[in-house]
Amino acid sequence: MEKKVLKVEGMSCEHCVKAVTRALESLPGLAGVAVELKSGTVSFRFDPGKTSLKDIEAAIDDAGYTVVA
């Protein structure tokens, strides 16, 4: 499992936190999803053999938020 922290733009409330959390928890191979509204980050562990970082970023985008580099 790899650990990753991503900066996410567009989150402004607890609904946003829940939306991003649900989007990520629906993907296979993710664990320990933690969305921090104040810092605008999401951290998690993932199995690259089950889910790619590209898929994770796409799930966040599909939920209506933007991953920034």
PDB file of N, CA and C in Angstrom:
ATOM      1  N   MET A   1       0.848  -1.184   0.000  1.00  0.00           N
ATOM      2  CA  MET A   1       0.000   0.000   0.000  1.00  0.00           C
ATOM      3  C   MET A   1       0.893   1.246   0.000  1.00  0.00           C
ATOM      4  N   GLU A   2       0.535   2.183  -0.831  1.00  0.00           N
ATOM      5  CA  GLU A   2       1.227   3.469  -0.877  1.00  0.00           C
ATOM      6  C   GLU A   2       0.382   4.515  -0.174  1.00  0.00           C
ATOM      7  N   LYS A   3       1.040   5.461   0.480  1.00  0.00           N
ATOM      8  CA  LYS A   3       0.325   6.561   1.130  1.00  0.00           C
ATOM      9  C   LYS A   3       0.448   7.794   0.254  1.00  0.00           C
ATOM     10  N   LYS A   4      -0.644   8.546   0.154  1.00  0.00           N
ATOM     11  CA  LYS A   4      -0.651   9.727  -0.700  1.00  0.00           C
ATOM     12  C   LYS A   4      -1.490  10.819  -0.050  1.00  0.00           C
ATOM     13  N   VAL A   5      -1.089  12.061  -0.265  1.00  0.00           N
ATOM     14  CA  VAL A   5      -1.860  13.229   0.159  1.00  0.00           C
ATOM     15  C   VAL A   5      -2.046  14.101  -1.073  1.00  0.00           C
ATOM     16  N   LEU A   6      -3.304  14.458  -1.352  1.00  0.00           N
ATOM     17  CA  LEU A   6      -3.610  15.304  -2.493  1.00  0.00           C
ATOM     18  C   LEU A   6      -4.252  16.604  -2.024  1.00  0.00           C
ATOM     19  N   LYS A   7      -3.932  17.694  -2.704  1.00  0.00           N
ATOM     20  CA  LYS A   7      -4.572  18.988  -2.466  1.00  0.00           C
ATOM     21  C   LYS A   7      -5.806  19.045  -3.351  1.00  0.00           C
ATOM     22  N   VAL A   8      -6.945  19.373  -2.739  1.00  0.00           N
ATOM     23  CA  VAL A   8      -8.216  19.394  -3.463  1.00  0.00           C
ATOM     24  C   VAL A   8      -8.858  20.778  -3.327  1.00  0.00           C
ATOM     25  N   GLU A   9      -9.227  21.367  -4.458  1.00  0.00           N
ATOM     26  CA  GLU A   9      -9.892  22.676  -4.458  1.00  0.00           C
ATOM     27  C   GLU A   9     -11.394  22.498  -4.580  1.00  0.00           C
ATOM     28  N   GLY A  10     -12.134  23.432  -4.001  1.00  0.00           N
ATOM     29  CA  GLY A  10     -13.573  23.473  -4.164  1.00  0.00           C
ATOM     30  C   GLY A  10     -14.357  22.975  -2.967  1.00  0.00           C
ATOM     31  N   MET A  11     -13.675  22.433  -1.970  1.00  0.00           N
ATOM     32  CA  MET A  11     -14.375  21.961  -0.776  1.00  0.00           C
ATOM     33  C   MET A  11     -14.602  23.139   0.165  1.00  0.00           C
ATOM     34  N   SER A  12     -15.872  23.313   0.601  1.00  0.00           N
ATOM     35  CA  SER A  12     -16.177  24.455   1.461  1.00  0.00           C
ATOM     36  C   SER A  12     -17.032  24.112   2.674  1.00  0.00           C
ATOM     37  N   CYS A  13     -17.481  22.841   2.772  1.00  0.00           N
ATOM     38  CA  CYS A  13     -18.371  22.479   3.875  1.00  0.00           C
ATOM     39  C   CYS A  13     -18.290  20.974   4.158  1.00  0.00           C
ATOM     40  N   GLU A  14     -18.994  20.563   5.188  1.00  0.00           N
ATOM     41  CA  GLU A  14     -18.983  19.135   5.552  1.00  0.00           C
ATOM     42  C   GLU A  14     -19.616  18.264   4.470  1.00  0.00           C
ATOM     43  N   HIS A  15     -20.562  18.806   3.720  1.00  0.00           N
ATOM     44  CA  HIS A  15     -21.131  18.042   2.606  1.00  0.00           C
ATOM     45  C   HIS A  15     -20.037  17.703   1.600  1.00  0.00           C
ATOM     46  N   CYS A  16     -19.148  18.646   1.339  1.00  0.00           N
ATOM     47  CA  CYS A  16     -18.036  18.425   0.418  1.00  0.00           C
ATOM     48  C   CYS A  16     -17.140  17.306   0.930  1.00  0.00           C
ATOM     49  N   VAL A  17     -16.854  17.334   2.216  1.00  0.00           N
ATOM     50  CA  VAL A  17     -16.018  16.298   2.835  1.00  0.00           C
ATOM     51  C   VAL A  17     -16.662  14.928   2.637  1.00  0.00           C
ATOM     52  N   LYS A  18     -17.960  14.843   2.886  1.00  0.00           N
ATOM     53  CA  LYS A  18     -18.669  13.560   2.740  1.00  0.00           C
ATOM     54  C   LYS A  18     -18.688  13.107   1.292  1.00  0.00           C
ATOM     55  N   ALA A  19     -18.867  14.034   0.353  1.00  0.00           N
ATOM     56  CA  ALA A  19     -18.907  13.684  -1.066  1.00  0.00           C
ATOM     57  C   ALA A  19     -17.568  13.110  -1.534  1.00  0.00           C
ATOM     58  N   VAL A  20     -16.473  13.735  -1.142  1.00  0.00           N
ATOM     59  CA  VAL A  20     -15.153  13.250  -1.533  1.00  0.00           C
ATOM     60  C   VAL A  20     -14.856  11.914  -0.851  1.00  0.00           C
ATOM     61  N   THR A  21     -15.216  11.808   0.415  1.00  0.00           N
ATOM     62  CA  THR A  21     -15.001  10.553   1.145  1.00  0.00           C
ATOM     63  C   THR A  21     -15.760   9.414   0.481  1.00  0.00           C
ATOM     64  N   ARG A  22     -17.028   9.629   0.167  1.00  0.00           N
ATOM     65  CA  ARG A  22     -17.842   8.586  -0.492  1.00  0.00           C
ATOM     66  C   ARG A  22     -17.251   8.206  -1.843  1.00  0.00           C
ATOM     67  N   ALA A  23     -16.818   9.198  -2.608  1.00  0.00           N
ATOM     68  CA  ALA A  23     -16.255   8.933  -3.934  1.00  0.00           C
ATOM     69  C   ALA A  23     -15.017   8.045  -3.831  1.00  0.00           C
ATOM     70  N   LEU A  24     -14.170   8.319  -2.848  1.00  0.00           N
ATOM     71  CA  LEU A  24     -12.945   7.539  -2.711  1.00  0.00           C
ATOM     72  C   LEU A  24     -13.202   6.167  -2.098  1.00  0.00           C
ATOM     73  N   GLU A  25     -14.091   6.093  -1.129  1.00  0.00           N
ATOM     74  CA  GLU A  25     -14.365   4.807  -0.486  1.00  0.00           C
ATOM     75  C   GLU A  25     -15.050   3.829  -1.426  1.00  0.00           C
ATOM     76  N   SER A  26     -15.592   4.316  -2.547  1.00  0.00           N
ATOM     77  CA  SER A  26     -16.230   3.424  -3.516  1.00  0.00           C
ATOM     78  C   SER A  26     -15.203   2.726  -4.412  1.00  0.00           C
ATOM     79  N   LEU A  27     -13.963   3.196  -4.393  1.00  0.00           N
ATOM     80  CA  LEU A  27     -12.924   2.607  -5.232  1.00  0.00           C
ATOM     81  C   LEU A  27     -12.280   1.403  -4.547  1.00  0.00           C
ATOM     82  N   PRO A  28     -11.911   0.382  -5.326  1.00  0.00           N
ATOM     83  CA  PRO A  28     -11.228  -0.775  -4.732  1.00  0.00           C
ATOM     84  C   PRO A  28      -9.794  -0.433  -4.348  1.00  0.00           C
ATOM     85  N   GLY A  29      -9.310  -1.026  -3.279  1.00  0.00           N
ATOM     86  CA  GLY A  29      -7.908  -0.882  -2.911  1.00  0.00           C
ATOM     87  C   GLY A  29      -7.547   0.363  -2.133  1.00  0.00           C
ATOM     88  N   LEU A  30      -8.542   1.142  -1.664  1.00  0.00           N
ATOM     89  CA  LEU A  30      -8.255   2.325  -0.859  1.00  0.00           C
ATOM     90  C   LEU A  30      -8.562   2.057   0.604  1.00  0.00           C
ATOM     91  N   ALA A  31      -7.763   2.650   1.474  1.00  0.00           N
ATOM     92  CA  ALA A  31      -7.972   2.505   2.922  1.00  0.00           C
ATOM     93  C   ALA A  31      -7.540   3.793   3.604  1.00  0.00           C
ATOM     94  N   GLY A  32      -8.078   4.025   4.784  1.00  0.00           N
ATOM     95  CA  GLY A  32      -7.662   5.160   5.595  1.00  0.00           C
ATOM     96  C   GLY A  32      -7.925   6.508   4.969  1.00  0.00           C
ATOM     97  N   VAL A  33      -9.053   6.658   4.277  1.00  0.00           N
ATOM     98  CA  VAL A  33      -9.383   7.931   3.632  1.00  0.00           C
ATOM     99  C   VAL A  33      -9.682   8.976   4.707  1.00  0.00           C
ATOM    100  N   ALA A  34      -8.974  10.106   4.641  1.00  0.00           N
ATOM    101  CA  ALA A  34      -9.186  11.214   5.582  1.00  0.00           C
ATOM    102  C   ALA A  34      -9.217  12.515   4.791  1.00  0.00           C
ATOM    103  N   VAL A  35     -10.362  13.186   4.820  1.00  0.00           N
ATOM    104  CA  VAL A  35     -10.531  14.451   4.104  1.00  0.00           C
ATOM    105  C   VAL A  35     -10.496  15.582   5.130  1.00  0.00           C
ATOM    106  N   GLU A  36      -9.604  16.541   4.920  1.00  0.00           N
ATOM    107  CA  GLU A  36      -9.435  17.670   5.833  1.00  0.00           C
ATOM    108  C   GLU A  36      -9.926  18.946   5.160  1.00  0.00           C
ATOM    109  N   LEU A  37     -11.042  19.453   5.628  1.00  0.00           N
ATOM    110  CA  LEU A  37     -11.633  20.647   5.036  1.00  0.00           C
ATOM    111  C   LEU A  37     -10.736  21.871   5.212  1.00  0.00           C
ATOM    112  N   LYS A  38     -10.209  22.067   6.416  1.00  0.00           N
ATOM    113  CA  LYS A  38      -9.408  23.262   6.717  1.00  0.00           C
ATOM    114  C   LYS A  38      -8.173  23.376   5.820  1.00  0.00           C
ATOM    115  N   SER A  39      -7.473  22.263   5.622  1.00  0.00           N
ATOM    116  CA  SER A  39      -6.257  22.293   4.801  1.00  0.00           C
ATOM    117  C   SER A  39      -6.544  22.024   3.325  1.00  0.00           C
ATOM    118  N   GLY A  40      -7.757  21.555   3.018  1.00  0.00           N
ATOM    119  CA  GLY A  40      -8.100  21.251   1.638  1.00  0.00           C
ATOM    120  C   GLY A  40      -7.336  20.062   1.095  1.00  0.00           C
ATOM    121  N   THR A  41      -7.123  19.075   1.956  1.00  0.00           N
ATOM    122  CA  THR A  41      -6.366  17.900   1.526  1.00  0.00           C
ATOM    123  C   THR A  41      -7.154  16.618   1.769  1.00  0.00           C
ATOM    124  N   VAL A  42      -6.753  15.600   1.053  1.00  0.00           N
ATOM    125  CA  VAL A  42      -7.270  14.257   1.278  1.00  0.00           C
ATOM    126  C   VAL A  42      -6.068  13.322   1.344  1.00  0.00           C
ATOM    127  N   SER A  43      -6.044  12.493   2.379  1.00  0.00           N
ATOM    128  CA  SER A  43      -4.964  11.515   2.510  1.00  0.00           C
ATOM    129  C   SER A  43      -5.578  10.124   2.523  1.00  0.00           C
ATOM    130  N   PHE A  44      -4.794   9.166   2.051  1.00  0.00           N
ATOM    131  CA  PHE A  44      -5.285   7.790   1.956  1.00  0.00           C
ATOM    132  C   PHE A  44      -4.116   6.863   1.664  1.00  0.00           C
ATOM    133  N   ARG A  45      -4.375   5.591   1.831  1.00  0.00           N
ATOM    134  CA  ARG A  45      -3.453   4.544   1.390  1.00  0.00           C
ATOM    135  C   ARG A  45      -4.154   3.813   0.257  1.00  0.00           C
ATOM    136  N   PHE A  46      -3.374   3.414  -0.756  1.00  0.00           N
ATOM    137  CA  PHE A  46      -3.991   2.690  -1.858  1.00  0.00           C
ATOM    138  C   PHE A  46      -3.069   1.619  -2.412  1.00  0.00           C
ATOM    139  N   ASP A  47      -3.692   0.612  -2.991  1.00  0.00           N
ATOM    140  CA  ASP A  47      -2.985  -0.491  -3.634  1.00  0.00           C
ATOM    141  C   ASP A  47      -2.945  -0.193  -5.126  1.00  0.00           C
ATOM    142  N   PRO A  48      -1.773   0.177  -5.678  1.00  0.00           N
ATOM    143  CA  PRO A  48      -1.696   0.532  -7.094  1.00  0.00           C
ATOM    144  C   PRO A  48      -2.035  -0.634  -8.026  1.00  0.00           C
ATOM    145  N   GLY A  49      -2.066  -1.846  -7.491  1.00  0.00           N
ATOM    146  CA  GLY A  49      -2.466  -2.994  -8.294  1.00  0.00           C
ATOM    147  C   GLY A  49      -3.973  -3.077  -8.469  1.00  0.00           C
ATOM    148  N   LYS A  50      -4.719  -2.329  -7.650  1.00  0.00           N
ATOM    149  CA  LYS A  50      -6.186  -2.352  -7.719  1.00  0.00           C
ATOM    150  C   LYS A  50      -6.776  -1.045  -8.239  1.00  0.00           C
ATOM    151  N   THR A  51      -6.134   0.076  -7.930  1.00  0.00           N
ATOM    152  CA  THR A  51      -6.624   1.389  -8.336  1.00  0.00           C
ATOM    153  C   THR A  51      -5.435   2.299  -8.630  1.00  0.00           C
ATOM    154  N   SER A  52      -5.514   3.008  -9.750  1.00  0.00           N
ATOM    155  CA  SER A  52      -4.426   3.924 -10.097  1.00  0.00           C
ATOM    156  C   SER A  52      -4.691   5.312  -9.519  1.00  0.00           C
ATOM    157  N   LEU A  53      -3.638   6.086  -9.411  1.00  0.00           N
ATOM    158  CA  LEU A  53      -3.771   7.464  -8.956  1.00  0.00           C
ATOM    159  C   LEU A  53      -4.664   8.253  -9.909  1.00  0.00           C
ATOM    160  N   LYS A  54      -4.571   7.935 -11.191  1.00  0.00           N
ATOM    161  CA  LYS A  54      -5.422   8.588 -12.197  1.00  0.00           C
ATOM    162  C   LYS A  54      -6.903   8.307 -11.906  1.00  0.00           C
ATOM    163  N   ASP A  55      -7.235   7.068 -11.531  1.00  0.00           N
ATOM    164  CA  ASP A  55      -8.615   6.719 -11.188  1.00  0.00           C
ATOM    165  C   ASP A  55      -9.081   7.471  -9.944  1.00  0.00           C
ATOM    166  N   ILE A  56      -8.188   7.618  -8.975  1.00  0.00           N
ATOM    167  CA  ILE A  56      -8.509   8.335  -7.742  1.00  0.00           C
ATOM    168  C   ILE A  56      -8.789   9.806  -8.046  1.00  0.00           C
ATOM    169  N   GLU A  57      -7.933  10.416  -8.845  1.00  0.00           N
ATOM    170  CA  GLU A  57      -8.134  11.817  -9.219  1.00  0.00           C
ATOM    171  C   GLU A  57      -9.423  11.982 -10.021  1.00  0.00           C
ATOM    172  N   ALA A  58      -9.740  11.022 -10.891  1.00  0.00           N
ATOM    173  CA  ALA A  58     -10.975  11.075 -11.680  1.00  0.00           C
ATOM    174  C   ALA A  58     -12.203  10.983 -10.775  1.00  0.00           C
ATOM    175  N   ALA A  59     -12.146  10.162  -9.734  1.00  0.00           N
ATOM    176  CA  ALA A  59     -13.272  10.033  -8.801  1.00  0.00           C
ATOM    177  C   ALA A  59     -13.515  11.350  -8.068  1.00  0.00           C
ATOM    178  N   ILE A  60     -12.439  12.028  -7.684  1.00  0.00           N
ATOM    179  CA  ILE A  60     -12.570  13.334  -7.019  1.00  0.00           C
ATOM    180  C   ILE A  60     -13.164  14.345  -8.001  1.00  0.00           C
ATOM    181  N   ASP A  61     -12.690  14.328  -9.227  1.00  0.00           N
ATOM    182  CA  ASP A  61     -13.200  15.228 -10.264  1.00  0.00           C
ATOM    183  C   ASP A  61     -14.680  14.955 -10.537  1.00  0.00           C
ATOM    184  N   ASP A  62     -15.058  13.682 -10.626  1.00  0.00           N
ATOM    185  CA  ASP A  62     -16.458  13.314 -10.871  1.00  0.00           C
ATOM    186  C   ASP A  62     -17.368  13.765  -9.723  1.00  0.00           C
ATOM    187  N   ALA A  63     -16.803  13.872  -8.525  1.00  0.00           N
ATOM    188  CA  ALA A  63     -17.586  14.344  -7.362  1.00  0.00           C
ATOM    189  C   ALA A  63     -17.749  15.871  -7.373  1.00  0.00           C
ATOM    190  N   GLY A  64     -17.042  16.540  -8.307  1.00  0.00           N
ATOM    191  CA  GLY A  64     -17.195  17.987  -8.451  1.00  0.00           C
ATOM    192  C   GLY A  64     -16.068  18.821  -7.884  1.00  0.00           C
ATOM    193  N   TYR A  65     -14.936  18.202  -7.607  1.00  0.00           N
ATOM    194  CA  TYR A  65     -13.801  18.915  -7.001  1.00  0.00           C
ATOM    195  C   TYR A  65     -12.571  18.742  -7.870  1.00  0.00           C
ATOM    196  N   THR A  66     -11.549  19.542  -7.625  1.00  0.00           N
ATOM    197  CA  THR A  66     -10.364  19.561  -8.487  1.00  0.00           C
ATOM    198  C   THR A  66      -9.110  19.231  -7.681  1.00  0.00           C
ATOM    199  N   VAL A  67      -8.349  18.263  -8.177  1.00  0.00           N
ATOM    200  CA  VAL A  67      -7.048  17.947  -7.578  1.00  0.00           C
ATOM    201  C   VAL A  67      -6.025  18.899  -8.194  1.00  0.00           C
ATOM    202  N   VAL A  68      -5.250  19.567  -7.334  1.00  0.00           N
ATOM    203  CA  VAL A  68      -4.221  20.489  -7.813  1.00  0.00           C
ATOM    204  C   VAL A  68      -2.843  19.885  -7.564  1.00  0.00           C
ATOM    205  N   ALA A  69      -1.949  20.190  -8.487  1.00  0.00           N
ATOM    206  CA  ALA A  69      -0.591  19.649  -8.394  1.00  0.00           C
ATOM    207  C   ALA A  69       0.201  20.310  -7.298  1.00  0.00           C
TER     208      ALA A  69
END
